[in-house]
């Protein structure tokens, strides 16, 4: 189970069907000078979503790995990616699942973000490196009332992408005002409320160059 299974598009389609059962995600991507690194992703799942995903018939619908075997199975056949760790714990009524996957190159990282090669790409030249990716393909068409319900269903859940770069960023931007950007040294951060994202009109895209 790789990152494309956890893009906003699938999360929305899934959560829109059950509304009260949603999630948040925070990912920390550390990139070294040679382009290798790790992706540590933490998923906050409502108890309803976990219960739904634990049913055998629903496993393929769940956009997050409930078990270590889910992560390992998702990485089978993936070039340049390696399983590092998986853990799970309860936090109030939510379940926190954390996975760490290592990548050997920016090409492998782009493949992890989107195995189908449609939503993520990387560029490397004498001027530096660049990573461009979208958080999903399309958003479901909600009428105003459904948008309100979907936004409320996600409550305080958030989406965070943090990139620890090997050198100062030359660019870090997003195509959506819903996503806020910040920088601390070589680290750039993209953050948005899941409720705002699901009720938005376009899928956010992200650009990082260094």
N, C-alpha and C. Protein backbone atom coordinates (compact mmCIF):
# COMPACT_ATOMS: atom_id res chain seq x y z
N UNK A 1 0.85 -1.19 0.00
CA UNK A 1 0.00 0.00 0.00
C UNK A 1 0.88 1.23 0.00
N UNK A 2 0.86 1.97 -1.11
CA UNK A 2 1.75 3.12 -1.24
C UNK A 2 0.97 4.42 -1.24
N UNK A 3 1.71 5.53 -1.34
CA UNK A 3 1.11 6.83 -1.08
C UNK A 3 -0.08 7.14 -1.96
N UNK A 4 -0.12 6.65 -3.19
CA UNK A 4 -1.26 6.97 -4.04
C UNK A 4 -2.57 6.47 -3.43
N UNK A 5 -2.52 5.44 -2.61
CA UNK A 5 -3.71 4.94 -1.93
C UNK A 5 -4.19 5.93 -0.87
N UNK A 6 -3.32 6.86 -0.51
CA UNK A 6 -3.64 7.77 0.58
C UNK A 6 -3.82 9.20 0.09
N UNK A 7 -3.95 9.40 -1.23
CA UNK A 7 -4.14 10.74 -1.76
C UNK A 7 -5.51 11.27 -1.39
N UNK A 8 -5.65 12.56 -1.46
CA UNK A 8 -6.90 13.20 -1.07
C UNK A 8 -8.07 12.65 -1.86
N UNK A 9 -7.90 12.40 -3.14
CA UNK A 9 -9.00 11.92 -3.96
C UNK A 9 -9.65 10.68 -3.39
N UNK A 10 -8.87 9.67 -3.05
CA UNK A 10 -9.44 8.45 -2.50
C UNK A 10 -9.97 8.65 -1.10
N UNK A 11 -9.30 9.46 -0.32
CA UNK A 11 -9.78 9.72 1.03
C UNK A 11 -11.16 10.36 0.98
N UNK A 12 -11.32 11.30 0.07
CA UNK A 12 -12.60 11.98 -0.03
C UNK A 12 -13.70 11.04 -0.49
N UNK A 13 -13.42 10.26 -1.52
CA UNK A 13 -14.43 9.35 -2.03
C UNK A 13 -14.85 8.36 -0.95
N UNK A 14 -13.89 7.94 -0.17
CA UNK A 14 -14.20 6.98 0.90
C UNK A 14 -14.99 7.63 2.02
N UNK A 15 -14.47 8.75 2.52
CA UNK A 15 -15.11 9.38 3.67
C UNK A 15 -16.45 9.98 3.31
N UNK A 16 -16.61 10.41 2.07
CA UNK A 16 -17.89 10.98 1.67
C UNK A 16 -19.01 9.97 1.80
N UNK A 17 -18.66 8.70 1.73
CA UNK A 17 -19.67 7.65 1.80
C UNK A 17 -20.14 7.37 3.21
N UNK A 18 -19.28 7.66 4.20
CA UNK A 18 -19.68 7.37 5.58
C UNK A 18 -19.64 8.60 6.47
N UNK A 19 -19.10 9.71 5.97
CA UNK A 19 -19.19 11.04 6.56
C UNK A 19 -18.71 11.15 8.00
N UNK A 20 -19.18 10.35 8.89
CA UNK A 20 -18.77 10.49 10.29
C UNK A 20 -17.41 9.84 10.56
N UNK A 21 -16.88 9.14 9.56
CA UNK A 21 -15.65 8.37 9.78
C UNK A 21 -14.54 8.91 8.91
N UNK A 22 -13.71 9.78 9.44
CA UNK A 22 -12.70 10.42 8.61
C UNK A 22 -11.33 10.39 9.27
N UNK A 23 -10.37 11.10 8.66
CA UNK A 23 -8.99 10.94 9.09
C UNK A 23 -8.17 12.18 8.78
N UNK A 24 -6.98 12.23 9.38
CA UNK A 24 -6.00 13.25 9.08
C UNK A 24 -4.68 12.58 8.79
N UNK A 25 -3.76 13.33 8.19
CA UNK A 25 -2.47 12.75 7.84
C UNK A 25 -1.37 13.78 7.98
N UNK A 26 -0.22 13.36 8.53
CA UNK A 26 0.96 14.21 8.61
C UNK A 26 2.15 13.41 8.11
N UNK A 27 2.83 13.93 7.10
CA UNK A 27 3.97 13.24 6.51
C UNK A 27 5.22 14.10 6.60
N UNK A 28 6.32 13.48 7.02
CA UNK A 28 7.61 14.15 7.09
C UNK A 28 8.57 13.46 6.12
N UNK A 29 9.01 14.21 5.14
CA UNK A 29 9.91 13.68 4.10
C UNK A 29 11.30 14.26 4.32
N UNK A 30 12.28 13.39 4.57
CA UNK A 30 13.67 13.82 4.75
C UNK A 30 14.48 13.41 3.53
N UNK A 31 15.09 14.39 2.87
CA UNK A 31 15.83 14.15 1.63
C UNK A 31 17.30 14.50 1.85
N UNK A 32 18.19 13.58 1.54
CA UNK A 32 19.63 13.80 1.68
C UNK A 32 20.20 14.35 0.37
N UNK A 33 21.49 14.70 0.37
CA UNK A 33 22.12 15.30 -0.80
C UNK A 33 22.10 14.38 -2.01
N UNK A 34 22.17 13.08 -1.81
CA UNK A 34 22.17 12.16 -2.95
C UNK A 34 20.76 11.79 -3.43
N UNK A 35 19.74 12.42 -2.84
CA UNK A 35 18.37 12.17 -3.27
C UNK A 35 17.66 11.04 -2.54
N UNK A 36 18.36 10.35 -1.67
CA UNK A 36 17.73 9.29 -0.88
C UNK A 36 17.10 9.91 0.36
N UNK A 37 16.33 9.11 1.09
CA UNK A 37 15.74 9.63 2.31
C UNK A 37 14.64 8.75 2.85
N UNK A 38 13.78 9.32 3.67
CA UNK A 38 12.68 8.58 4.29
C UNK A 38 11.39 9.39 4.25
N UNK A 39 10.28 8.67 4.26
CA UNK A 39 8.96 9.27 4.42
C UNK A 39 8.34 8.68 5.67
N UNK A 40 8.12 9.52 6.67
CA UNK A 40 7.43 9.09 7.89
C UNK A 40 6.03 9.67 7.85
N UNK A 41 5.04 8.81 7.81
CA UNK A 41 3.65 9.26 7.70
C UNK A 41 2.86 8.81 8.92
N UNK A 42 2.12 9.74 9.49
CA UNK A 42 1.26 9.42 10.63
C UNK A 42 -0.19 9.70 10.25
N UNK A 43 -1.04 8.70 10.44
CA UNK A 43 -2.45 8.79 10.09
C UNK A 43 -3.29 8.76 11.36
N UNK A 44 -4.19 9.73 11.48
CA UNK A 44 -5.12 9.77 12.61
C UNK A 44 -6.49 9.35 12.10
N UNK A 45 -6.95 8.19 12.56
CA UNK A 45 -8.19 7.61 12.07
C UNK A 45 -9.26 7.60 13.16
N UNK A 46 -10.47 7.95 12.78
CA UNK A 46 -11.58 7.83 13.72
C UNK A 46 -11.84 6.36 14.00
N UNK A 47 -12.42 6.06 15.13
CA UNK A 47 -12.68 4.66 15.48
C UNK A 47 -13.66 4.01 14.51
N UNK A 48 -14.58 4.81 13.94
CA UNK A 48 -15.51 4.26 12.97
C UNK A 48 -14.78 3.81 11.70
N UNK A 49 -13.78 4.61 11.30
CA UNK A 49 -13.03 4.27 10.09
C UNK A 49 -12.20 3.01 10.30
N UNK A 50 -11.59 2.87 11.46
CA UNK A 50 -10.80 1.67 11.76
C UNK A 50 -11.70 0.44 11.76
N UNK A 51 -12.85 0.54 12.41
CA UNK A 51 -13.78 -0.60 12.46
C UNK A 51 -14.25 -0.99 11.07
N UNK A 52 -14.50 0.01 10.24
CA UNK A 52 -14.94 -0.26 8.87
C UNK A 52 -13.84 -0.99 8.09
N UNK A 53 -12.60 -0.52 8.24
CA UNK A 53 -11.49 -1.10 7.49
C UNK A 53 -11.08 -2.48 7.96
N UNK A 54 -11.44 -2.82 9.18
CA UNK A 54 -11.07 -4.13 9.70
C UNK A 54 -11.93 -5.25 9.13
N UNK A 55 -13.03 -4.91 8.51
CA UNK A 55 -13.86 -5.91 7.86
C UNK A 55 -13.20 -6.34 6.55
N UNK A 56 -13.08 -7.63 6.35
CA UNK A 56 -12.35 -8.16 5.20
C UNK A 56 -12.86 -7.58 3.88
N UNK A 57 -14.16 -7.44 3.75
CA UNK A 57 -14.75 -6.96 2.49
C UNK A 57 -14.43 -5.50 2.21
N UNK A 58 -14.00 -4.76 3.25
CA UNK A 58 -13.76 -3.33 3.08
C UNK A 58 -12.28 -2.95 3.02
N UNK A 59 -11.38 -3.91 3.17
CA UNK A 59 -9.96 -3.59 3.28
C UNK A 59 -9.44 -2.82 2.07
N UNK A 60 -9.89 -3.19 0.87
CA UNK A 60 -9.38 -2.53 -0.32
C UNK A 60 -9.86 -1.09 -0.44
N UNK A 61 -10.91 -0.73 0.31
CA UNK A 61 -11.43 0.62 0.26
C UNK A 61 -10.68 1.56 1.19
N UNK A 62 -10.06 0.99 2.23
CA UNK A 62 -9.41 1.83 3.22
C UNK A 62 -8.11 2.41 2.66
N UNK A 63 -7.94 3.74 2.70
CA UNK A 63 -6.77 4.37 2.09
C UNK A 63 -5.54 4.44 2.99
N UNK A 64 -5.50 3.68 4.08
CA UNK A 64 -4.34 3.68 4.96
C UNK A 64 -4.01 2.25 5.38
N UNK A 65 -2.76 2.00 5.78
CA UNK A 65 -2.36 0.64 6.19
C UNK A 65 -2.71 0.36 7.64
N UNK A 66 -3.64 -0.53 7.89
CA UNK A 66 -4.02 -0.86 9.26
C UNK A 66 -3.02 -1.79 9.92
N UNK A 67 -2.23 -2.53 9.12
CA UNK A 67 -1.27 -3.48 9.68
C UNK A 67 0.08 -3.33 8.99
N UNK A 68 1.10 -3.88 9.63
CA UNK A 68 2.44 -3.88 9.02
C UNK A 68 2.45 -4.63 7.70
N UNK A 69 1.69 -5.71 7.64
CA UNK A 69 1.65 -6.50 6.40
C UNK A 69 1.04 -5.70 5.25
N UNK A 70 0.12 -4.77 5.57
CA UNK A 70 -0.44 -3.90 4.53
C UNK A 70 0.66 -3.07 3.89
N UNK A 71 1.56 -2.52 4.72
CA UNK A 71 2.65 -1.69 4.20
C UNK A 71 3.60 -2.53 3.37
N UNK A 72 4.00 -3.66 3.91
CA UNK A 72 4.95 -4.53 3.21
C UNK A 72 4.38 -5.01 1.87
N UNK A 73 3.12 -5.37 1.88
CA UNK A 73 2.49 -5.83 0.65
C UNK A 73 2.43 -4.71 -0.39
N UNK A 74 2.16 -3.48 0.06
CA UNK A 74 2.09 -2.36 -0.85
C UNK A 74 3.42 -2.02 -1.49
N UNK A 75 4.52 -2.40 -0.84
CA UNK A 75 5.85 -2.10 -1.37
C UNK A 75 6.41 -3.21 -2.25
N UNK A 76 5.72 -4.31 -2.33
CA UNK A 76 6.20 -5.43 -3.15
C UNK A 76 6.31 -5.00 -4.61
N UNK A 77 7.47 -5.24 -5.19
CA UNK A 77 7.70 -4.90 -6.59
C UNK A 77 8.05 -3.45 -6.83
N UNK A 78 8.05 -2.63 -5.78
CA UNK A 78 8.38 -1.22 -5.93
C UNK A 78 9.90 -1.03 -5.96
N UNK A 79 10.40 -0.39 -6.98
CA UNK A 79 11.85 -0.18 -7.11
C UNK A 79 12.30 1.02 -6.28
N UNK A 80 13.37 0.82 -5.53
CA UNK A 80 13.97 1.91 -4.77
C UNK A 80 13.27 2.26 -3.48
N UNK A 81 12.33 1.42 -3.02
CA UNK A 81 11.62 1.67 -1.77
C UNK A 81 11.85 0.52 -0.80
N UNK A 82 11.95 0.87 0.48
CA UNK A 82 12.24 -0.16 1.49
C UNK A 82 11.43 0.11 2.76
N UNK A 83 10.81 -0.92 3.28
CA UNK A 83 10.08 -0.82 4.55
C UNK A 83 11.06 -0.56 5.70
N UNK A 84 10.70 0.37 6.58
CA UNK A 84 11.52 0.65 7.77
C UNK A 84 10.77 0.29 9.04
N UNK A 85 9.55 0.81 9.21
CA UNK A 85 8.82 0.51 10.44
C UNK A 85 7.33 0.81 10.29
N UNK A 86 6.57 0.24 11.22
CA UNK A 86 5.13 0.49 11.33
C UNK A 86 4.76 0.39 12.81
N UNK A 87 3.85 1.26 13.25
CA UNK A 87 3.37 1.18 14.63
C UNK A 87 1.95 1.72 14.71
N UNK A 88 1.27 1.34 15.77
CA UNK A 88 -0.11 1.78 15.96
C UNK A 88 -0.38 1.97 17.44
N UNK A 89 -1.15 3.00 17.78
CA UNK A 89 -1.53 3.22 19.17
C UNK A 89 -2.83 3.99 19.23
N UNK A 90 -3.50 3.91 20.37
CA UNK A 90 -4.74 4.64 20.58
C UNK A 90 -4.45 6.02 21.15
N UNK A 91 -5.24 7.00 20.73
CA UNK A 91 -5.15 8.36 21.26
C UNK A 91 -6.57 8.87 21.44
N UNK A 92 -7.11 8.70 22.63
CA UNK A 92 -8.51 9.02 22.85
C UNK A 92 -9.40 8.08 22.05
N UNK A 93 -10.28 8.64 21.23
CA UNK A 93 -11.15 7.82 20.40
C UNK A 93 -10.55 7.56 19.02
N UNK A 94 -9.36 8.09 18.76
CA UNK A 94 -8.69 7.90 17.48
C UNK A 94 -7.61 6.84 17.56
N UNK A 95 -7.23 6.32 16.42
CA UNK A 95 -6.07 5.44 16.30
C UNK A 95 -4.99 6.16 15.49
N UNK A 96 -3.77 6.16 16.01
CA UNK A 96 -2.63 6.76 15.31
C UNK A 96 -1.78 5.65 14.71
N UNK A 97 -1.63 5.67 13.41
CA UNK A 97 -0.80 4.70 12.71
C UNK A 97 0.38 5.44 12.08
N UNK A 98 1.58 4.94 12.32
CA UNK A 98 2.78 5.60 11.80
C UNK A 98 3.58 4.60 10.98
N UNK A 99 3.94 5.01 9.78
CA UNK A 99 4.78 4.19 8.91
C UNK A 99 6.02 4.97 8.50
N UNK A 100 7.11 4.26 8.31
CA UNK A 100 8.33 4.87 7.79
C UNK A 100 8.82 4.01 6.63
N UNK A 101 9.03 4.66 5.49
CA UNK A 101 9.51 3.98 4.28
C UNK A 101 10.72 4.75 3.77
N UNK A 102 11.77 4.03 3.38
CA UNK A 102 12.98 4.64 2.84
C UNK A 102 12.93 4.61 1.32
N UNK A 103 13.47 5.67 0.69
CA UNK A 103 13.57 5.72 -0.76
C UNK A 103 15.03 5.98 -1.14
N UNK A 104 15.48 5.41 -2.25
CA UNK A 104 16.89 5.52 -2.62
C UNK A 104 17.17 6.65 -3.61
N UNK A 105 16.13 7.28 -4.14
CA UNK A 105 16.32 8.36 -5.11
C UNK A 105 15.04 9.19 -5.18
N UNK A 106 15.17 10.38 -5.83
CA UNK A 106 13.98 11.20 -6.02
C UNK A 106 12.99 10.53 -6.95
N UNK A 107 13.48 9.74 -7.87
CA UNK A 107 12.59 8.98 -8.76
C UNK A 107 11.76 8.00 -7.93
N UNK A 108 12.41 7.35 -6.99
CA UNK A 108 11.68 6.41 -6.13
C UNK A 108 10.68 7.15 -5.25
N UNK A 109 11.05 8.34 -4.77
CA UNK A 109 10.13 9.14 -3.96
C UNK A 109 8.90 9.52 -4.77
N UNK A 110 9.11 9.98 -6.00
CA UNK A 110 7.97 10.32 -6.86
C UNK A 110 7.10 9.10 -7.11
N UNK A 111 7.73 7.92 -7.26
CA UNK A 111 6.97 6.69 -7.44
C UNK A 111 6.19 6.30 -6.20
N UNK A 112 6.71 6.65 -5.04
CA UNK A 112 6.00 6.38 -3.79
C UNK A 112 4.79 7.30 -3.65
N UNK A 113 4.98 8.58 -4.00
CA UNK A 113 3.88 9.53 -3.93
C UNK A 113 2.78 9.18 -4.92
N UNK A 114 3.17 8.65 -6.08
CA UNK A 114 2.19 8.26 -7.09
C UNK A 114 2.74 7.16 -7.97
N UNK A 115 2.48 5.90 -7.64
CA UNK A 115 3.01 4.77 -8.41
C UNK A 115 2.60 4.77 -9.88
N UNK A 116 1.48 5.42 -10.21
CA UNK A 116 1.02 5.42 -11.59
C UNK A 116 1.72 6.49 -12.44
N UNK A 117 2.50 7.36 -11.80
CA UNK A 117 3.29 8.33 -12.52
C UNK A 117 2.51 9.47 -13.15
N UNK A 118 1.31 9.74 -12.67
CA UNK A 118 0.49 10.80 -13.25
C UNK A 118 0.43 12.05 -12.38
N UNK A 119 0.62 11.90 -11.09
CA UNK A 119 0.42 13.01 -10.17
C UNK A 119 1.71 13.54 -9.56
N UNK A 120 2.83 12.87 -9.78
CA UNK A 120 4.09 13.30 -9.18
C UNK A 120 5.23 13.17 -10.18
N UNK A 121 6.14 14.14 -10.17
CA UNK A 121 7.33 14.06 -11.03
C UNK A 121 8.48 14.80 -10.35
N UNK A 122 9.69 14.46 -10.76
CA UNK A 122 10.86 15.12 -10.21
C UNK A 122 11.77 15.56 -11.35
N UNK A 123 12.58 16.58 -11.08
CA UNK A 123 13.55 17.08 -12.05
C UNK A 123 14.87 17.32 -11.33
N UNK A 124 15.96 16.94 -11.97
CA UNK A 124 17.28 17.19 -11.42
C UNK A 124 18.18 17.71 -12.52
N UNK A 125 18.86 18.83 -12.26
CA UNK A 125 19.75 19.44 -13.25
C UNK A 125 20.89 20.11 -12.51
N UNK A 126 21.74 20.82 -13.26
CA UNK A 126 22.86 21.54 -12.65
C UNK A 126 22.36 22.65 -11.73
N UNK A 127 21.12 23.10 -11.97
CA UNK A 127 20.56 24.18 -11.16
C UNK A 127 19.95 23.67 -9.85
N UNK A 128 19.77 22.36 -9.73
CA UNK A 128 19.21 21.81 -8.50
C UNK A 128 18.14 20.76 -8.77
N UNK A 129 17.29 20.55 -7.81
CA UNK A 129 16.25 19.53 -7.91
C UNK A 129 14.88 20.14 -7.66
N UNK A 130 13.87 19.47 -8.20
CA UNK A 130 12.51 19.97 -8.08
C UNK A 130 11.54 18.79 -7.98
N UNK A 131 10.56 18.92 -7.10
CA UNK A 131 9.53 17.90 -6.94
C UNK A 131 8.18 18.58 -7.08
N UNK A 132 7.35 18.02 -7.97
CA UNK A 132 6.01 18.55 -8.22
C UNK A 132 5.01 17.42 -8.05
N UNK A 133 3.98 17.62 -7.26
CA UNK A 133 2.96 16.59 -7.15
C UNK A 133 1.62 17.17 -6.73
N UNK A 134 0.57 16.44 -7.06
CA UNK A 134 -0.79 16.81 -6.71
C UNK A 134 -1.27 15.87 -5.62
N UNK A 135 -2.15 16.36 -4.76
CA UNK A 135 -2.66 15.55 -3.67
C UNK A 135 -3.79 14.62 -4.09
N UNK A 136 -4.11 14.61 -5.36
CA UNK A 136 -5.15 13.72 -5.87
C UNK A 136 -5.47 14.06 -7.30
N UNK A 137 -6.37 13.33 -7.91
CA UNK A 137 -6.73 13.56 -9.30
C UNK A 137 -7.94 14.48 -9.42
N UNK A 138 -9.04 14.11 -8.79
CA UNK A 138 -10.26 14.92 -8.85
C UNK A 138 -10.95 14.94 -7.49
N UNK A 139 -11.80 15.91 -7.31
CA UNK A 139 -12.63 16.00 -6.11
C UNK A 139 -14.06 15.59 -6.47
N UNK A 140 -14.77 14.97 -5.54
CA UNK A 140 -16.17 14.63 -5.81
C UNK A 140 -16.99 15.91 -5.93
N UNK A 141 -18.04 15.87 -6.72
CA UNK A 141 -18.90 17.03 -6.91
C UNK A 141 -19.95 17.09 -5.80
N UNK A 142 -19.71 17.96 -4.83
CA UNK A 142 -20.65 18.12 -3.72
C UNK A 142 -21.51 19.35 -3.97
N UNK A 143 -22.80 19.25 -3.65
CA UNK A 143 -23.62 20.46 -3.66
C UNK A 143 -23.31 21.21 -2.36
N UNK A 144 -23.75 22.46 -2.23
CA UNK A 144 -23.40 23.27 -1.05
C UNK A 144 -23.70 22.59 0.28
N UNK A 145 -24.83 21.91 0.37
CA UNK A 145 -25.20 21.26 1.62
C UNK A 145 -24.26 20.10 1.93
N UNK A 146 -23.92 19.31 0.90
CA UNK A 146 -23.00 18.20 1.10
C UNK A 146 -21.60 18.69 1.47
N UNK A 147 -21.18 19.81 0.88
CA UNK A 147 -19.89 20.38 1.24
C UNK A 147 -19.86 20.75 2.72
N UNK A 148 -20.96 21.31 3.19
CA UNK A 148 -21.04 21.69 4.61
C UNK A 148 -20.96 20.47 5.50
N UNK A 149 -21.69 19.42 5.13
CA UNK A 149 -21.68 18.20 5.91
C UNK A 149 -20.30 17.55 5.90
N UNK A 150 -19.67 17.50 4.71
CA UNK A 150 -18.35 16.88 4.60
C UNK A 150 -17.31 17.65 5.41
N UNK A 151 -17.39 18.98 5.37
CA UNK A 151 -16.45 19.81 6.13
C UNK A 151 -16.59 19.56 7.62
N UNK A 152 -17.83 19.48 8.09
CA UNK A 152 -18.07 19.23 9.51
C UNK A 152 -17.62 17.82 9.91
N UNK A 153 -17.77 16.87 8.99
CA UNK A 153 -17.40 15.49 9.30
C UNK A 153 -15.91 15.35 9.58
N UNK A 154 -15.09 16.14 8.88
CA UNK A 154 -13.65 16.06 9.07
C UNK A 154 -13.19 16.80 10.31
N UNK A 155 -14.06 17.63 10.88
CA UNK A 155 -13.77 18.28 12.15
C UNK A 155 -12.39 18.92 12.21
N UNK A 156 -11.61 18.50 13.19
CA UNK A 156 -10.29 19.10 13.42
C UNK A 156 -9.16 18.36 12.72
N UNK A 157 -9.48 17.38 11.86
CA UNK A 157 -8.43 16.64 11.16
C UNK A 157 -7.69 17.55 10.20
N UNK A 158 -6.41 17.30 10.03
CA UNK A 158 -5.59 18.15 9.17
C UNK A 158 -4.70 17.32 8.25
N UNK A 159 -4.18 17.98 7.25
CA UNK A 159 -3.22 17.38 6.32
C UNK A 159 -1.93 18.17 6.38
N UNK A 160 -0.81 17.49 6.61
CA UNK A 160 0.49 18.15 6.72
C UNK A 160 1.53 17.41 5.88
N UNK A 161 2.27 18.15 5.08
CA UNK A 161 3.45 17.63 4.41
C UNK A 161 4.63 18.50 4.81
N UNK A 162 5.67 17.90 5.37
CA UNK A 162 6.87 18.62 5.76
C UNK A 162 8.07 18.02 5.05
N UNK A 163 8.88 18.86 4.43
CA UNK A 163 10.04 18.40 3.68
C UNK A 163 11.31 18.98 4.29
N UNK A 164 12.19 18.08 4.73
CA UNK A 164 13.49 18.46 5.27
C UNK A 164 14.49 18.31 4.12
N UNK A 165 14.91 19.44 3.53
CA UNK A 165 15.71 19.43 2.32
C UNK A 165 17.21 19.46 2.62
N UNK A 166 18.06 19.00 1.69
CA UNK A 166 19.51 19.00 1.91
C UNK A 166 20.15 20.37 1.72
N UNK A 167 19.39 21.34 1.22
CA UNK A 167 19.89 22.71 1.02
C UNK A 167 18.71 23.67 1.09
N UNK A 168 18.96 24.97 1.19
CA UNK A 168 17.85 25.93 1.31
C UNK A 168 16.90 25.85 0.12
N UNK A 169 15.61 25.96 0.35
CA UNK A 169 14.65 25.88 -0.75
C UNK A 169 14.74 27.10 -1.68
N UNK A 170 14.64 26.85 -2.97
CA UNK A 170 14.58 27.93 -3.96
C UNK A 170 13.12 28.30 -4.23
N UNK A 171 12.25 27.35 -4.02
CA UNK A 171 10.83 27.58 -4.22
C UNK A 171 10.04 26.58 -3.38
N UNK A 172 8.97 27.04 -2.80
CA UNK A 172 7.98 26.14 -2.17
C UNK A 172 6.64 26.84 -2.27
N UNK A 173 5.75 26.23 -3.02
CA UNK A 173 4.48 26.88 -3.32
C UNK A 173 3.38 25.84 -3.47
N UNK A 174 2.15 26.32 -3.45
CA UNK A 174 0.99 25.46 -3.62
C UNK A 174 -0.01 26.16 -4.52
N UNK A 175 -0.79 25.37 -5.22
CA UNK A 175 -1.79 25.93 -6.14
C UNK A 175 -3.07 26.33 -5.44
N UNK A 176 -3.16 26.07 -4.14
CA UNK A 176 -4.42 26.34 -3.42
C UNK A 176 -4.19 27.23 -2.21
N UNK A 177 -5.02 28.25 -2.04
CA UNK A 177 -4.92 29.10 -0.84
C UNK A 177 -5.34 28.37 0.43
N UNK A 178 -5.96 27.22 0.28
CA UNK A 178 -6.36 26.42 1.43
C UNK A 178 -5.14 25.87 2.16
N UNK A 179 -4.06 25.62 1.41
CA UNK A 179 -2.83 25.07 1.98
C UNK A 179 -1.90 26.22 2.37
N UNK A 180 -1.49 26.24 3.61
CA UNK A 180 -0.58 27.26 4.11
C UNK A 180 0.86 26.75 4.06
N UNK A 181 1.78 27.63 3.70
CA UNK A 181 3.19 27.25 3.61
C UNK A 181 4.01 28.01 4.65
N UNK A 182 5.09 27.37 5.11
CA UNK A 182 6.01 28.02 6.03
C UNK A 182 7.39 27.41 5.85
N UNK A 183 8.39 28.11 6.34
CA UNK A 183 9.77 27.65 6.22
C UNK A 183 10.54 27.89 7.51
N UNK A 184 11.38 26.90 7.86
CA UNK A 184 12.30 27.03 8.99
C UNK A 184 13.63 26.45 8.56
N UNK A 185 14.56 27.30 8.13
CA UNK A 185 15.84 26.82 7.61
C UNK A 185 15.64 26.05 6.31
N UNK A 186 16.09 24.80 6.30
CA UNK A 186 15.94 23.96 5.11
C UNK A 186 14.64 23.16 5.11
N UNK A 187 13.79 23.41 6.09
CA UNK A 187 12.54 22.66 6.20
C UNK A 187 11.37 23.51 5.74
N UNK A 188 10.55 22.96 4.83
CA UNK A 188 9.35 23.64 4.38
C UNK A 188 8.14 22.81 4.78
N UNK A 189 7.05 23.50 5.05
CA UNK A 189 5.86 22.83 5.58
C UNK A 189 4.62 23.29 4.82
N UNK A 190 3.77 22.33 4.48
CA UNK A 190 2.49 22.60 3.84
C UNK A 190 1.40 22.04 4.75
N UNK A 191 0.41 22.85 5.08
CA UNK A 191 -0.60 22.41 6.04
C UNK A 191 -1.97 22.97 5.69
N UNK A 192 -2.99 22.14 5.83
CA UNK A 192 -4.34 22.60 5.59
C UNK A 192 -5.33 21.78 6.38
N UNK A 193 -6.48 22.37 6.66
CA UNK A 193 -7.54 21.65 7.36
C UNK A 193 -8.24 20.72 6.39
N UNK A 194 -8.41 19.46 6.78
CA UNK A 194 -9.06 18.50 5.90
C UNK A 194 -10.46 18.95 5.52
N UNK A 195 -11.16 19.58 6.44
CA UNK A 195 -12.50 20.06 6.14
C UNK A 195 -12.52 21.07 5.02
N UNK A 196 -11.52 21.97 5.01
CA UNK A 196 -11.42 22.96 3.94
C UNK A 196 -11.06 22.30 2.61
N UNK A 197 -10.19 21.30 2.68
CA UNK A 197 -9.75 20.63 1.45
C UNK A 197 -10.91 19.86 0.82
N UNK A 198 -11.65 19.12 1.62
CA UNK A 198 -12.73 18.31 1.06
C UNK A 198 -13.86 19.16 0.51
N UNK A 199 -14.03 20.36 1.05
CA UNK A 199 -15.11 21.22 0.58
C UNK A 199 -14.63 22.22 -0.45
N UNK A 200 -13.37 22.10 -0.89
CA UNK A 200 -12.82 22.99 -1.89
C UNK A 200 -13.26 22.61 -3.30
N UNK A 201 -12.83 23.43 -4.26
CA UNK A 201 -13.22 23.20 -5.65
C UNK A 201 -12.13 22.54 -6.48
N UNK A 202 -10.88 22.58 -6.02
CA UNK A 202 -9.78 21.99 -6.77
C UNK A 202 -8.86 21.20 -5.84
N UNK A 203 -8.17 20.23 -6.41
CA UNK A 203 -7.21 19.45 -5.63
C UNK A 203 -5.90 20.23 -5.53
N UNK A 204 -5.37 20.44 -4.33
CA UNK A 204 -4.13 21.21 -4.20
C UNK A 204 -2.93 20.52 -4.84
N UNK A 205 -2.05 21.33 -5.42
CA UNK A 205 -0.78 20.84 -5.93
C UNK A 205 0.35 21.49 -5.17
N UNK A 206 1.50 20.84 -5.11
CA UNK A 206 2.65 21.32 -4.34
C UNK A 206 3.90 21.31 -5.21
N UNK A 207 4.73 22.34 -5.05
CA UNK A 207 6.00 22.45 -5.77
C UNK A 207 7.10 22.76 -4.75
N UNK A 208 8.19 21.99 -4.79
CA UNK A 208 9.36 22.24 -3.93
C UNK A 208 10.60 22.17 -4.81
N UNK A 209 11.45 23.20 -4.73
CA UNK A 209 12.70 23.21 -5.48
C UNK A 209 13.84 23.60 -4.55
N UNK A 210 15.00 23.01 -4.73
CA UNK A 210 16.17 23.31 -3.90
C UNK A 210 17.47 23.14 -4.67
